[in-house]
Protein backbone atom coordinates (compact mmCIF):
# COMPACT_ATOMS: atom_id res chain seq x y z
CA MET A 1 39.11 -32.79 -28.31
CA LYS A 2 38.69 -29.08 -30.17
CA HIS A 3 35.24 -28.80 -28.82
CA TRP A 4 35.49 -29.70 -25.46
CA ILE A 5 38.45 -27.01 -25.32
CA ALA A 6 36.22 -24.56 -26.93
CA ALA A 7 33.40 -25.46 -24.82
CA LEU A 8 35.42 -24.89 -21.85
CA THR A 9 37.32 -21.55 -22.96
CA LEU A 10 33.37 -20.51 -23.72
CA ALA A 11 32.36 -21.23 -20.12
CA ILE A 12 35.42 -19.64 -18.81
CA ALA A 13 34.78 -16.31 -20.73
CA SER A 14 31.16 -16.48 -19.16
CA THR A 15 32.06 -16.80 -15.65
CA ALA A 16 34.52 -14.20 -16.34
CA SER A 17 32.16 -11.85 -17.84
CA PHE A 18 29.43 -12.61 -15.33
CA THR A 19 31.78 -11.73 -12.56
CA ALA A 20 33.04 -8.77 -14.29
CA SER A 21 29.56 -8.07 -14.13
CA ALA A 22 28.83 -8.86 -10.63
CA SER A 23 31.74 -6.45 -9.88
CA THR A 24 30.63 -3.64 -11.66
CA GLU A 25 27.14 -3.61 -9.53
CA ASN A 26 28.61 -4.24 -6.26
CA ASP A 27 30.86 -1.01 -7.20
CA ARG A 28 28.20 0.98 -8.46
CA TRP A 29 26.10 0.09 -5.46
CA GLU A 30 29.14 1.01 -3.12
CA SER A 31 29.38 4.29 -4.58
CA ILE A 32 25.65 5.31 -4.26
CA GLU A 33 26.22 4.16 -0.56
CA GLN A 34 29.25 6.70 -0.42
CA GLN A 35 27.00 9.80 -1.83
CA ALA A 36 24.47 8.42 0.50
CA LYS A 37 26.43 9.45 3.38
CA GLY A 38 25.60 12.54 5.02
CA GLN A 39 22.25 12.98 3.32
CA THR A 40 18.86 13.76 4.93
CA VAL A 41 15.98 11.98 2.60
CA TYR A 42 12.64 14.10 3.44
CA PHE A 43 10.36 10.55 3.30
CA ASN A 44 6.45 12.14 2.54
CA ALA A 45 4.32 9.07 3.97
CA TRP A 46 1.03 8.55 5.64
CA GLY A 47 0.92 9.82 9.29
CA GLY A 48 -2.29 7.92 10.51
CA ASN A 49 -0.83 5.52 12.25
CA GLN A 50 0.90 4.92 15.85
CA GLU A 51 2.39 1.76 14.89
CA ILE A 52 3.86 2.61 11.25
CA ASN A 53 5.34 5.84 12.77
CA THR A 54 6.93 4.11 15.60
CA TYR A 55 7.94 1.47 12.95
CA LEU A 56 9.46 4.26 10.82
CA ARG A 57 11.62 6.17 13.66
CA TRP A 58 13.51 2.66 14.11
CA ALA A 59 14.36 2.64 10.42
CA SER A 60 15.60 6.40 11.09
CA ARG A 61 18.11 4.81 13.90
CA GLU A 62 19.10 1.79 12.00
CA LEU A 63 19.80 3.76 9.07
CA GLN A 64 21.51 6.94 10.49
CA ARG A 65 23.93 4.49 12.45
CA ASP A 66 24.69 2.03 9.62
CA TYR A 67 24.51 4.09 6.40
CA GLY A 68 25.04 7.68 7.99
CA VAL A 69 21.60 8.94 5.91
CA THR A 70 18.93 10.67 8.10
CA LEU A 71 15.46 9.63 7.64
CA LYS A 72 12.98 12.53 8.11
CA HIS A 73 8.93 11.57 8.40
CA VAL A 74 7.01 14.11 6.19
CA LYS A 75 3.60 12.99 7.73
CA VAL A 76 0.87 13.36 5.46
CA ALA A 77 -2.86 12.31 5.53
CA ASP A 78 -3.33 11.67 1.65
CA ILE A 79 -0.47 11.56 -0.65
CA ALA A 80 -2.22 13.29 -3.41
CA GLU A 81 -1.31 16.81 -1.30
CA THR A 82 2.85 15.53 -2.20
CA VAL A 83 1.83 14.73 -5.68
CA ASN A 84 0.35 18.01 -6.00
CA ARG A 85 3.11 19.70 -4.35
CA LEU A 86 5.52 17.91 -6.86
CA LEU A 87 3.47 18.97 -10.08
CA ALA A 88 3.44 22.62 -8.55
CA GLU A 89 7.20 22.21 -8.14
CA LYS A 90 7.84 21.11 -12.05
CA THR A 91 5.67 24.00 -13.04
CA ALA A 92 7.70 26.39 -11.62
CA GLY A 93 10.65 24.54 -13.08
CA LYS A 94 12.53 23.20 -10.08
CA ASP A 95 13.79 20.04 -11.68
CA SER A 96 16.45 19.36 -9.12
CA GLY A 97 16.77 19.95 -4.56
CA GLY A 98 13.07 19.36 -4.66
CA SER A 99 11.76 19.33 -1.08
CA VAL A 100 10.34 15.39 -1.67
CA ASP A 101 13.23 12.86 -1.72
CA MET A 102 10.56 9.58 -1.41
CA VAL A 103 6.97 8.97 -1.26
CA TRP A 104 5.23 5.64 0.07
CA ILE A 105 2.62 5.41 -3.06
CA ASN A 106 0.39 3.26 -5.15
CA GLY A 107 -2.52 3.44 -7.08
CA GLU A 108 -4.07 6.70 -8.63
CA ASN A 109 -1.05 8.93 -7.06
CA PHE A 110 1.61 6.61 -8.76
CA LYS A 111 -0.23 6.54 -12.15
CA SER A 112 -0.87 10.28 -11.91
CA MET A 113 3.27 10.79 -11.21
CA LYS A 114 4.08 8.19 -13.99
CA GLU A 115 1.88 10.39 -16.78
CA ASN A 116 3.56 13.64 -15.34
CA ASP A 117 6.98 12.55 -15.39
CA LEU A 118 7.33 12.97 -11.70
CA LEU A 119 9.45 9.82 -11.12
CA TYR A 120 12.94 9.33 -10.75
CA GLY A 121 14.49 5.85 -12.50
CA PRO A 122 14.08 3.34 -13.56
CA PHE A 123 16.06 2.14 -10.27
CA VAL A 124 14.70 -0.76 -8.61
CA SER A 125 16.75 -3.22 -10.61
CA THR A 126 19.78 -1.16 -8.76
CA LEU A 127 18.86 -2.29 -5.46
CA PRO A 128 20.62 -5.25 -3.99
CA ASN A 129 18.12 -5.92 -2.37
CA TRP A 130 15.43 -6.70 -5.26
CA GLN A 131 16.96 -9.80 -5.69
CA ILE A 132 14.86 -11.34 -2.36
CA VAL A 133 11.67 -9.91 -3.63
CA ASP A 134 9.07 -12.69 -3.81
CA LYS A 135 8.64 -12.31 -7.66
CA SER A 136 5.11 -14.59 -7.05
CA LEU A 137 3.56 -11.35 -5.81
CA PRO A 138 2.06 -8.46 -8.29
CA VAL A 139 5.42 -6.75 -7.80
CA GLU A 140 5.47 -5.44 -10.71
CA GLU A 141 2.39 -3.81 -11.54
CA ASP A 142 0.42 -1.06 -9.32
CA PHE A 143 -3.61 -1.67 -10.13
CA THR A 144 -2.95 -2.88 -12.91
CA GLU A 145 -0.10 0.03 -14.14
CA PRO A 146 3.06 -1.37 -15.41
CA THR A 147 5.70 -0.03 -12.14
CA ASP A 148 8.60 -0.27 -14.98
CA GLY A 149 10.95 -0.14 -12.31
CA LEU A 150 10.00 3.23 -11.38
CA GLU A 151 8.77 2.00 -7.69
CA ALA A 152 9.66 -0.80 -4.62
CA PRO A 153 7.72 -3.07 -3.32
CA TRP A 154 7.13 -2.33 0.24
CA GLY A 155 4.60 -4.61 1.42
CA VAL A 156 1.06 -6.29 1.30
CA GLY A 157 -1.93 -4.65 1.59
CA GLN A 158 -5.70 -6.46 1.83
CA LEU A 159 -8.90 -4.72 2.49
CA VAL A 160 -10.25 -6.87 5.58
CA PHE A 161 -12.44 -6.40 8.38
CA ILE A 162 -12.76 -6.70 11.86
CA HIS A 163 -14.98 -8.46 14.75
CA ASP A 164 -15.04 -9.17 18.32
CA GLN A 165 -15.66 -12.57 18.23
CA LYS A 166 -17.93 -11.84 21.93
CA THR A 167 -20.53 -9.55 20.18
CA LEU A 168 -20.37 -10.59 16.85
CA ALA A 169 -19.85 -14.37 16.44
CA ASN A 170 -20.73 -15.57 13.31
CA PRO A 171 -19.52 -12.33 10.92
CA PRO A 172 -20.95 -11.40 7.07
CA ARG A 173 -19.20 -13.45 4.62
CA SER A 174 -20.59 -10.47 1.67
CA PHE A 175 -21.36 -7.32 1.25
CA ALA A 176 -24.98 -8.55 0.66
CA GLU A 177 -24.78 -9.94 4.25
CA LEU A 178 -23.12 -6.83 5.92
CA LEU A 179 -26.31 -4.80 4.65
CA SER A 180 -28.32 -8.00 6.27
CA LEU A 181 -26.78 -7.22 9.81
CA ALA A 182 -26.82 -3.26 9.62
CA LYS A 183 -30.49 -3.89 9.12
CA ALA A 184 -30.86 -6.33 11.90
CA PHE A 185 -28.70 -3.89 13.91
CA PRO A 186 -29.52 -0.34 13.20
CA GLY A 187 -26.62 1.98 13.91
CA ARG A 188 -23.99 -0.60 14.46
CA ILE A 189 -22.15 -0.52 10.42
CA SER A 190 -20.04 2.33 8.63
CA TYR A 191 -17.25 2.71 6.87
CA PRO A 192 -14.55 5.58 6.33
CA LYS A 193 -15.54 8.56 4.67
CA PRO A 194 -14.22 8.96 0.88
CA PRO A 195 -11.93 9.97 -0.19
CA GLU A 196 -9.79 8.56 2.47
CA PHE A 197 -8.52 5.48 1.07
CA HIS A 198 -9.87 3.18 3.56
CA GLY A 199 -13.67 4.57 2.50
CA THR A 200 -12.86 4.34 -1.23
CA SER A 201 -11.15 0.86 -0.78
CA PHE A 202 -14.65 -0.11 0.63
CA LEU A 203 -16.61 1.16 -2.45
CA LYS A 204 -14.38 -0.35 -5.04
CA ALA A 205 -14.59 -3.60 -3.02
CA ALA A 206 -18.60 -3.23 -2.66
CA LEU A 207 -18.70 -2.83 -6.56
CA LEU A 208 -17.12 -5.78 -7.23
CA GLU A 209 -19.16 -8.03 -5.93
CA LEU A 210 -22.24 -5.88 -6.64
CA THR A 211 -22.04 -5.05 -10.38
CA ASP A 212 -23.06 -7.37 -12.77
CA VAL A 213 -19.65 -6.55 -15.06
CA ARG A 214 -16.54 -6.62 -13.15
CA GLU A 215 -14.41 -6.52 -16.19
CA ALA A 216 -15.47 -3.24 -16.98
CA LEU A 217 -13.26 -2.30 -13.81
CA TYR A 218 -10.61 -2.88 -14.82
CA LEU A 219 -10.54 -1.06 -17.53
CA PRO A 220 -9.71 3.05 -17.67
CA VAL A 221 -13.17 4.71 -16.15
CA ASP A 222 -13.60 6.47 -19.59
CA GLU A 223 -13.89 3.31 -21.82
CA VAL A 224 -17.04 2.53 -19.70
CA ASP A 225 -20.98 3.13 -19.21
CA PHE A 226 -19.53 4.46 -15.39
CA ASP A 227 -23.37 5.51 -14.30
CA ALA A 228 -24.64 2.17 -15.46
CA VAL A 229 -21.63 -0.28 -14.01
CA THR A 230 -22.06 1.60 -11.23
CA ALA A 231 -25.76 2.06 -10.38
CA PRO A 232 -25.63 -1.10 -8.35
CA LEU A 233 -23.40 0.42 -5.74
CA TRP A 234 -25.56 3.49 -4.88
CA ARG A 235 -29.16 1.76 -4.64
CA TYR A 236 -27.02 -0.12 -2.01
CA LEU A 237 -25.43 2.62 -0.04
CA ASP A 238 -28.97 4.42 0.12
CA GLN A 239 -30.10 1.52 1.70
CA LEU A 240 -26.97 1.08 4.55
CA HIS A 241 -26.91 4.42 4.67
CA GLN A 242 -30.78 4.85 6.48
CA VAL A 243 -29.70 1.90 8.46
CA ALA A 244 -25.63 3.10 9.50
CA TRP A 245 -23.57 4.46 11.88
CA ARG A 246 -25.30 8.17 12.77
CA GLU A 247 -27.89 7.50 10.11
CA GLY A 248 -25.40 8.19 7.24
CA ALA A 249 -24.91 11.80 8.27
CA GLN A 250 -21.81 11.39 9.69
CA PHE A 251 -18.59 8.81 9.23
CA PRO A 252 -15.42 7.33 10.68
CA SER A 253 -12.19 9.26 9.68
CA GLY A 254 -10.48 6.60 9.16
CA SER A 255 -9.35 2.73 10.01
CA ALA A 256 -8.06 4.30 13.27
CA GLU A 257 -11.81 5.35 14.21
CA THR A 258 -13.57 2.48 13.57
CA ILE A 259 -10.94 0.64 15.26
CA GLN A 260 -11.82 2.56 17.99
CA LEU A 261 -15.39 2.41 17.75
CA LEU A 262 -15.34 -0.95 17.53
CA ASP A 263 -13.44 -1.20 21.05
CA ASP A 264 -16.11 1.13 22.49
CA GLY A 265 -19.12 -0.92 21.05
CA GLU A 266 -20.54 1.42 19.04
CA LEU A 267 -19.75 -0.73 15.68
CA LEU A 268 -20.24 -4.46 15.19
CA VAL A 269 -17.21 -4.31 12.37
CA ALA A 270 -14.06 -2.23 11.69
CA ILE A 271 -11.98 -2.14 8.82
CA ALA A 272 -8.40 -1.93 8.13
CA PHE A 273 -5.97 -2.37 5.15
CA ASN A 274 -3.89 -5.01 6.70
CA PRO A 275 -4.91 -8.91 7.49
CA ASN A 276 -2.83 -8.91 10.39
CA ALA A 277 -4.30 -5.73 11.55
CA ALA A 278 -6.61 -7.23 14.19
CA LYS A 279 -3.41 -9.34 15.86
CA ALA A 280 -1.65 -5.90 16.05
CA ALA A 281 -4.47 -4.12 17.57
CA VAL A 282 -4.79 -6.72 20.17
CA ALA A 283 -1.01 -6.74 20.65
CA SER A 284 -1.32 -3.23 21.46
CA GLY A 285 -4.08 -3.13 23.59
CA LYS A 286 -6.19 -1.16 21.29
CA LEU A 287 -8.77 -3.96 20.96
CA ALA A 288 -9.64 -7.31 23.05
CA PRO A 289 -8.04 -10.47 22.88
CA SER A 290 -11.26 -12.12 21.34
CA ALA A 291 -11.38 -9.49 18.22
CA ARG A 292 -10.02 -11.25 14.55
CA ALA A 293 -9.93 -10.13 11.31
CA PHE A 294 -12.14 -11.59 8.28
CA ALA A 295 -12.46 -11.28 4.65
CA PHE A 296 -15.51 -11.67 2.28
CA ASP A 297 -16.20 -14.71 0.19
CA GLN A 298 -15.28 -13.28 -2.73
CA GLY A 299 -11.40 -12.23 -1.33
CA ALA A 300 -9.64 -9.35 -0.15
CA LEU A 301 -9.16 -6.17 -1.93
CA SER A 302 -5.36 -6.80 -2.60
CA ASN A 303 -2.31 -4.65 -3.70
CA ILE A 304 1.33 -3.87 -3.13
CA HIS A 305 2.26 -0.45 -1.62
CA PHE A 306 5.39 0.91 -2.88
CA MET A 307 8.32 3.78 -2.74
CA ALA A 308 9.25 5.90 -5.05
CA ILE A 309 11.94 8.96 -5.70
CA PRO A 310 10.51 12.23 -7.38
CA TYR A 311 12.64 13.19 -10.24
CA ASN A 312 13.67 16.27 -8.71
CA ALA A 313 14.80 14.73 -5.53
CA ASN A 314 17.65 16.48 -3.71
CA ALA A 315 18.75 13.08 -1.92
CA LYS A 316 18.55 10.24 -4.51
CA ALA A 317 21.76 8.27 -3.31
CA GLY A 318 19.82 8.54 -0.10
CA ALA A 319 16.43 7.51 -0.66
CA MET A 320 17.80 4.41 -2.79
CA VAL A 321 19.72 3.18 0.70
CA ALA A 322 16.69 4.07 2.45
CA ILE A 323 14.15 2.01 -0.03
CA ASN A 324 16.81 -0.67 -0.30
CA PHE A 325 17.14 -1.30 3.31
CA LEU A 326 13.34 -1.09 4.04
CA MET A 327 13.48 -3.92 1.84
CA SER A 328 15.88 -5.77 3.70
CA GLU A 329 15.22 -8.93 5.52
CA LYS A 330 16.17 -7.32 8.90
CA ALA A 331 13.36 -4.83 7.93
CA GLN A 332 10.53 -6.86 6.66
CA LEU A 333 10.47 -9.31 9.01
CA ARG A 334 10.18 -6.47 11.80
CA LYS A 335 7.63 -4.96 9.48
CA ALA A 336 5.82 -8.15 9.74
CA ASP A 337 5.98 -9.00 13.18
CA THR A 338 2.15 -7.90 14.46
CA GLN A 339 3.94 -6.65 17.76
CA VAL A 340 5.43 -3.55 16.15
CA TRP A 341 3.23 -3.06 12.58
CA GLY A 342 2.17 -6.60 11.23
CA ASP A 343 2.39 -5.36 7.06
CA PRO A 344 3.40 -8.28 5.20
CA PRO A 345 6.65 -8.54 3.64
CA VAL A 346 7.12 -8.91 -0.14
CA VAL A 347 10.92 -10.85 0.51
CA LYS A 348 11.30 -14.50 0.53
CA LEU A 349 12.35 -14.37 4.19
CA SER A 350 14.43 -17.33 5.52
CA ASP A 351 12.94 -16.65 8.77
CA THR A 352 8.90 -17.66 9.17
CA ALA A 353 7.32 -14.32 10.65
CA GLU A 354 3.48 -14.99 11.63
CA VAL A 355 1.85 -12.79 9.22
CA SER A 356 -1.76 -13.88 7.44
CA ARG A 357 -3.14 -13.54 4.31
CA PHE A 358 -6.22 -13.96 2.54
CA ASN A 359 -7.51 -15.03 -0.60
CA THR A 360 -6.55 -11.81 -3.33
CA GLN A 361 -9.23 -9.57 -5.41
CA PRO A 362 -7.06 -7.50 -7.53
CA GLU A 363 -7.42 -3.94 -7.43
CA PRO A 364 -9.24 -2.00 -10.36
CA HIS A 365 -7.99 0.07 -12.79
CA PRO A 366 -6.68 3.38 -10.35
CA SER A 367 -8.95 5.72 -12.66
CA TRP A 368 -11.88 3.85 -10.71
CA GLN A 369 -10.55 5.91 -7.79
CA THR A 370 -10.85 9.37 -8.78
CA ALA A 371 -14.27 8.64 -10.24
CA LEU A 372 -15.83 6.53 -7.26
CA GLU A 373 -14.56 9.25 -4.66
CA SER A 374 -16.50 11.88 -7.41
CA ALA A 375 -19.33 10.01 -7.33
CA TRP A 376 -19.45 9.89 -3.76
CA LEU A 377 -19.43 13.18 -2.98
CA LYS A 378 -21.32 14.47 -5.12
CA ARG A 379 -23.96 12.11 -3.78
CA TYR A 380 -23.46 12.00 0.33
CA GLY A 381 -20.59 14.22 1.11
CA GLN A 382 -21.80 16.93 3.70
């Protein structure tokens, strides 16, 4: 009897402790929401996609109505510009009242912000919607770099290609086949110009297929023989550029231009970093209904894209509320809708969203991004 009473007492105490803890967490989050009211959050995010920009305008309206938070989308061409501005603010000693409250980030830019102590946190476990995140996804690692609670997952990115079934019935299944296609149809294949991220992703994916030492790409670039590892890539591109769109003297500016060139009949293959990009383009009238996305047999280069808060953000509470909302089932389900954006969710949804994912191929170590961009520009940059 004494053992039973002791066990019951322990169970009651544990339950009380859990209830108190949950109550404390709820109180803390309610306090954050109160602080956030009336704040303006300057969200530095890529502005090169009309559907994403429209989605963020919707999110801004929702946040204003439900939480009293104003979300301002600061459109940037490359988030590296924002990282450099934050570095300048830190150098100038501006450790509060910063110009950036929230950033859309991953890869090399996250690593750079982390190494330079430009990130606020850890804060992710504080967010109520962290509980519904699909932990089977690599949401706690960013291009091999641990996130350490310094950035919250937003969506799943995959490097895919798009073709029109009426003009290209059998799309290539590898980079080797892509080169054969380019040689058979000169001037009809290209890729965005690095350092635009679709172009850099094309380089990484190609190198993963072409090199004999794939494992080297998951190590810091300064720990391997860069020239030896990348030699097959440059040989490949030398051949591709000879038969590429505009003979490799000019490259598309980004994914949107490749989609436009596909629709115009100038290119046979477009490129995107969203497995649902073709469906979204068809839905918006940018591509014919016969457009389809595909990935190569080795798998699609895949990563999670995140949201983070700079260390000197002026509206940290507002940024946390905005991030939590963008991770909510409501916001994630809308984001996954191909009529809206088509970006795959990072949370477990009770309603089945019509999203596609291809077999994944992990991103290389973030240090490869800058190294490949620099080497490409040295060889081919105009």
